[in-house]
Amino acid sequence: MKEFDGARVQFTSVDPKTEESYRFSLSDLKEDANVEVIKSVGEALNVVIDGNIETTTLTQTYNIA
């Protein structure tokens, strides 16, 4: 049996000047969060950060009994 324990999404951007990567994370997401909503959050971040979101990763954690 598996039980949902939590989820987080991580957005990674690259600074265009230094080429350094930066990560922004959101935790405590609900199980099977809507992908379109997650993409829209990434698009909103693109408006307020230097660089562009290069990757988006969703991680879900389950306890297995």
N, C-alpha and C. Protein backbone atom coordinates (compact mmCIF):
# COMPACT_ATOMS: atom_id res chain seq x y z
N MET A 1 0.85 -1.18 0.00
CA MET A 1 0.00 0.00 0.00
C MET A 1 0.89 1.23 0.00
N LYS A 2 0.52 2.23 -0.79
CA LYS A 2 1.26 3.49 -0.78
C LYS A 2 0.34 4.62 -0.39
N GLU A 3 0.92 5.58 0.33
CA GLU A 3 0.17 6.73 0.81
C GLU A 3 0.92 7.99 0.42
N PHE A 4 0.22 8.93 -0.20
CA PHE A 4 0.83 10.19 -0.62
C PHE A 4 1.38 10.95 0.58
N ASP A 5 2.63 11.43 0.47
CA ASP A 5 3.28 12.14 1.56
C ASP A 5 3.52 13.61 1.24
N GLY A 6 3.68 13.94 -0.03
CA GLY A 6 3.91 15.34 -0.38
C GLY A 6 4.46 15.47 -1.80
N ALA A 7 4.48 16.71 -2.28
CA ALA A 7 4.99 16.98 -3.61
C ALA A 7 5.61 18.37 -3.63
N ARG A 8 6.55 18.54 -4.56
CA ARG A 8 7.15 19.85 -4.75
C ARG A 8 7.48 20.01 -6.22
N VAL A 9 7.56 21.25 -6.65
CA VAL A 9 7.96 21.56 -8.02
C VAL A 9 9.20 22.43 -7.93
N GLN A 10 10.14 22.19 -8.83
CA GLN A 10 11.39 22.94 -8.85
C GLN A 10 11.58 23.53 -10.25
N PHE A 11 11.77 24.84 -10.29
CA PHE A 11 12.02 25.55 -11.53
C PHE A 11 13.50 25.91 -11.55
N THR A 12 14.17 25.67 -12.66
CA THR A 12 15.59 26.01 -12.78
C THR A 12 15.75 27.04 -13.89
N SER A 13 16.44 28.13 -13.55
CA SER A 13 16.71 29.17 -14.55
C SER A 13 18.22 29.33 -14.69
N VAL A 14 18.63 29.92 -15.80
CA VAL A 14 20.03 30.17 -16.06
C VAL A 14 20.21 31.67 -16.27
N ASP A 15 21.14 32.26 -15.50
CA ASP A 15 21.45 33.69 -15.63
C ASP A 15 22.13 33.91 -16.98
N PRO A 16 21.61 34.80 -17.82
CA PRO A 16 22.19 34.98 -19.16
C PRO A 16 23.59 35.57 -19.16
N LYS A 17 23.94 36.30 -18.10
CA LYS A 17 25.27 36.93 -18.05
C LYS A 17 26.32 35.98 -17.50
N THR A 18 26.02 35.32 -16.39
CA THR A 18 27.01 34.47 -15.72
C THR A 18 26.88 33.00 -16.08
N GLU A 19 25.76 32.62 -16.69
CA GLU A 19 25.44 31.23 -17.03
C GLU A 19 25.32 30.34 -15.79
N GLU A 20 25.13 30.96 -14.62
CA GLU A 20 24.88 30.19 -13.40
C GLU A 20 23.41 29.78 -13.36
N SER A 21 23.16 28.61 -12.78
CA SER A 21 21.77 28.16 -12.66
C SER A 21 21.25 28.44 -11.26
N TYR A 22 19.96 28.73 -11.19
CA TYR A 22 19.28 29.03 -9.94
C TYR A 22 18.01 28.20 -9.88
N ARG A 23 17.67 27.77 -8.67
CA ARG A 23 16.48 26.94 -8.49
C ARG A 23 15.47 27.63 -7.58
N PHE A 24 14.22 27.53 -7.97
CA PHE A 24 13.10 28.04 -7.19
C PHE A 24 12.20 26.85 -6.92
N SER A 25 11.84 26.63 -5.66
CA SER A 25 11.02 25.48 -5.30
C SER A 25 9.73 25.91 -4.62
N LEU A 26 8.68 25.15 -4.88
CA LEU A 26 7.41 25.30 -4.19
C LEU A 26 7.08 23.94 -3.58
N SER A 27 6.83 23.94 -2.29
CA SER A 27 6.54 22.68 -1.59
C SER A 27 5.08 22.61 -1.20
N ASP A 28 4.72 21.49 -0.62
CA ASP A 28 3.36 21.25 -0.10
C ASP A 28 2.29 21.30 -1.19
N LEU A 29 2.64 20.78 -2.37
CA LEU A 29 1.65 20.69 -3.43
C LEU A 29 0.73 19.51 -3.19
N LYS A 30 -0.44 19.56 -3.77
CA LYS A 30 -1.36 18.43 -3.63
C LYS A 30 -0.96 17.33 -4.62
N GLU A 31 -1.45 16.14 -4.35
CA GLU A 31 -1.15 14.99 -5.20
C GLU A 31 -1.67 15.23 -6.62
N ASP A 32 -0.86 14.85 -7.60
CA ASP A 32 -1.22 14.99 -9.01
C ASP A 32 -1.63 16.42 -9.37
N ALA A 33 -0.80 17.38 -8.96
CA ALA A 33 -1.07 18.79 -9.27
C ALA A 33 -1.20 18.97 -10.78
N ASN A 34 -2.06 19.86 -11.19
CA ASN A 34 -2.35 20.11 -12.59
C ASN A 34 -1.12 20.67 -13.31
N VAL A 35 -0.69 19.97 -14.36
CA VAL A 35 0.52 20.36 -15.09
C VAL A 35 0.37 21.74 -15.72
N GLU A 36 -0.79 22.06 -16.23
CA GLU A 36 -1.00 23.36 -16.86
C GLU A 36 -0.86 24.49 -15.84
N VAL A 37 -1.30 24.27 -14.63
CA VAL A 37 -1.16 25.28 -13.57
C VAL A 37 0.32 25.45 -13.22
N ILE A 38 1.04 24.35 -13.12
CA ILE A 38 2.48 24.42 -12.83
C ILE A 38 3.21 25.18 -13.93
N LYS A 39 2.88 24.92 -15.18
CA LYS A 39 3.50 25.64 -16.29
C LYS A 39 3.20 27.13 -16.22
N SER A 40 1.97 27.48 -15.82
CA SER A 40 1.62 28.90 -15.74
C SER A 40 2.41 29.60 -14.63
N VAL A 41 2.72 28.88 -13.55
CA VAL A 41 3.57 29.46 -12.49
C VAL A 41 4.96 29.73 -13.05
N GLY A 42 5.50 28.78 -13.81
CA GLY A 42 6.80 28.98 -14.45
C GLY A 42 6.80 30.16 -15.39
N GLU A 43 5.74 30.32 -16.16
CA GLU A 43 5.62 31.46 -17.07
C GLU A 43 5.58 32.78 -16.29
N ALA A 44 4.88 32.79 -15.16
CA ALA A 44 4.83 33.99 -14.32
C ALA A 44 6.21 34.31 -13.75
N LEU A 45 6.96 33.29 -13.35
CA LEU A 45 8.31 33.52 -12.85
C LEU A 45 9.21 34.14 -13.92
N ASN A 46 9.04 33.72 -15.16
CA ASN A 46 9.85 34.27 -16.26
C ASN A 46 9.72 35.78 -16.37
N VAL A 47 8.59 36.32 -15.94
CA VAL A 47 8.35 37.76 -16.03
C VAL A 47 9.15 38.53 -14.98
N VAL A 48 9.45 37.90 -13.85
CA VAL A 48 10.04 38.64 -12.74
C VAL A 48 11.49 38.25 -12.41
N ILE A 49 12.09 37.34 -13.16
CA ILE A 49 13.47 36.94 -12.89
C ILE A 49 14.36 37.25 -14.09
N ASP A 50 15.67 37.37 -13.83
CA ASP A 50 16.62 37.47 -14.93
C ASP A 50 16.85 36.08 -15.47
N GLY A 51 16.88 35.94 -16.77
CA GLY A 51 17.05 34.61 -17.36
C GLY A 51 15.70 33.99 -17.63
N ASN A 52 15.73 32.76 -18.10
CA ASN A 52 14.51 32.04 -18.42
C ASN A 52 14.47 30.72 -17.68
N ILE A 53 13.27 30.26 -17.37
CA ILE A 53 13.11 28.94 -16.78
C ILE A 53 13.53 27.92 -17.83
N GLU A 54 14.53 27.11 -17.50
CA GLU A 54 15.04 26.11 -18.44
C GLU A 54 14.38 24.76 -18.22
N THR A 55 14.18 24.39 -16.94
CA THR A 55 13.56 23.09 -16.65
C THR A 55 12.57 23.24 -15.50
N THR A 56 11.59 22.37 -15.49
CA THR A 56 10.60 22.28 -14.42
C THR A 56 10.49 20.82 -14.03
N THR A 57 10.65 20.54 -12.72
CA THR A 57 10.61 19.17 -12.23
C THR A 57 9.59 19.05 -11.12
N LEU A 58 8.70 18.08 -11.27
CA LEU A 58 7.70 17.79 -10.24
C LEU A 58 8.10 16.49 -9.55
N THR A 59 8.21 16.52 -8.22
CA THR A 59 8.56 15.35 -7.43
C THR A 59 7.43 15.06 -6.47
N GLN A 60 6.92 13.82 -6.52
CA GLN A 60 5.88 13.38 -5.59
C GLN A 60 6.47 12.27 -4.71
N THR A 61 6.16 12.32 -3.42
CA THR A 61 6.70 11.35 -2.47
C THR A 61 5.55 10.54 -1.87
N TYR A 62 5.79 9.24 -1.76
CA TYR A 62 4.81 8.32 -1.19
C TYR A 62 5.46 7.49 -0.09
N ASN A 63 4.73 7.23 0.96
CA ASN A 63 5.14 6.26 1.97
C ASN A 63 4.60 4.91 1.54
N ILE A 64 5.46 3.92 1.56
CA ILE A 64 5.05 2.57 1.16
C ILE A 64 5.05 1.68 2.38
N ALA A 65 3.90 1.09 2.67
CA ALA A 65 3.76 0.23 3.85
C ALA A 65 3.82 -1.22 3.46
